[in-house]
Protein backbone atom coordinates (compact mmCIF):
# COMPACT_ATOMS: atom_id res chain seq x y z
CA MET A 1 -31.17 -5.84 8.49
CA GLY A 2 -30.93 -2.59 6.59
CA ALA A 3 -28.06 -1.59 4.35
CA LEU A 4 -26.76 1.07 6.72
CA SER A 5 -26.87 -1.25 9.73
CA ARG A 6 -24.99 -3.93 7.81
CA LEU A 7 -22.33 -1.49 6.60
CA LEU A 8 -21.90 -0.06 10.10
CA SER A 9 -21.41 -3.54 11.53
CA HIS A 10 -18.84 -4.26 8.79
CA LEU A 11 -16.91 -1.10 9.69
CA LEU A 12 -16.97 -1.82 13.42
CA LEU A 13 -15.87 -5.43 13.02
CA ALA A 14 -13.17 -4.46 10.52
CA GLY A 15 -11.77 -1.85 12.90
CA ILE A 16 -11.67 -4.31 15.78
CA ALA A 17 -10.05 -7.00 13.62
CA VAL A 18 -7.36 -4.67 12.25
CA ILE A 19 -6.50 -3.24 15.67
CA GLY A 20 -6.30 -6.72 17.14
CA LEU A 21 -4.08 -7.96 14.35
CA ALA A 22 -1.86 -4.86 14.57
CA LEU A 23 -0.98 -5.90 18.11
CA VAL A 24 0.22 -9.27 16.79
CA ALA A 25 1.54 -8.66 13.27
CA VAL A 26 1.47 -5.28 11.53
CA PRO A 27 1.92 -6.64 7.97
CA LEU A 28 -1.05 -8.98 8.48
CA ALA A 29 -3.09 -6.08 9.82
CA VAL A 30 -2.29 -4.01 6.72
CA VAL A 31 -3.32 -6.82 4.36
CA THR A 32 -6.48 -7.45 6.37
CA ALA A 33 -7.35 -3.74 6.32
CA ALA A 34 -6.95 -3.64 2.53
CA VAL A 35 -9.11 -6.71 2.00
CA LEU A 36 -11.83 -5.48 4.37
CA TYR A 37 -11.78 -2.03 2.76
CA ALA A 38 -12.31 -3.61 -0.67
CA HIS A 39 -15.15 -5.69 0.79
CA VAL A 40 -16.93 -2.66 2.26
CA VAL A 41 -16.53 -0.68 -0.98
CA ALA A 42 -17.97 -3.62 -2.94
CA ASP A 43 -20.91 -3.74 -0.52
CA VAL A 44 -21.56 -0.02 -0.98
CA VAL A 45 -21.50 -0.39 -4.78
CA TRP A 46 -23.83 -3.39 -4.56
CA ASP A 47 -26.25 -1.50 -2.30
CA ILE A 48 -26.28 1.55 -4.59
CA ARG A 49 -27.07 -0.62 -7.61
CA ARG A 50 -29.71 -2.60 -5.72
CA LEU A 51 -31.39 0.48 -4.27
CA GLY A 52 -31.30 2.16 -7.69
CA ARG A 53 -33.22 -0.74 -9.20
CA ARG A 54 -35.37 -1.18 -6.07
CA ALA A 55 -34.81 -4.93 -6.38
CA ASP A 56 -34.93 -7.05 -3.23
CA VAL A 57 -35.10 -3.93 -1.07
CA SER A 58 -36.65 -4.24 2.36
CA VAL A 59 -38.83 -1.48 3.79
CA ASP A 60 -36.19 -0.34 6.29
CA GLU A 61 -33.70 0.31 3.49
CA THR A 62 -35.82 2.84 1.65
CA VAL A 63 -35.88 6.50 2.59
CA PRO A 64 -39.33 8.10 2.60
CA SER A 65 -39.72 11.22 0.49
CA ARG A 66 -39.96 14.53 2.37
CA ARG A 67 -43.04 16.02 0.69
């Protein structure tokens, strides 16, 4: 699974989880949103570092040059 696909799935699942929790308990939804936001930001930072070093990068995560 590529980095963008993984991040998109994180965002979709986080949105569904927060909306679902907001229907039950708003304070829990706020805490969950904050934790999931921090998780997605950490994933983005990790992906940027990993792609910058080209370590453990699958073919679908690289962007071909436009020459």
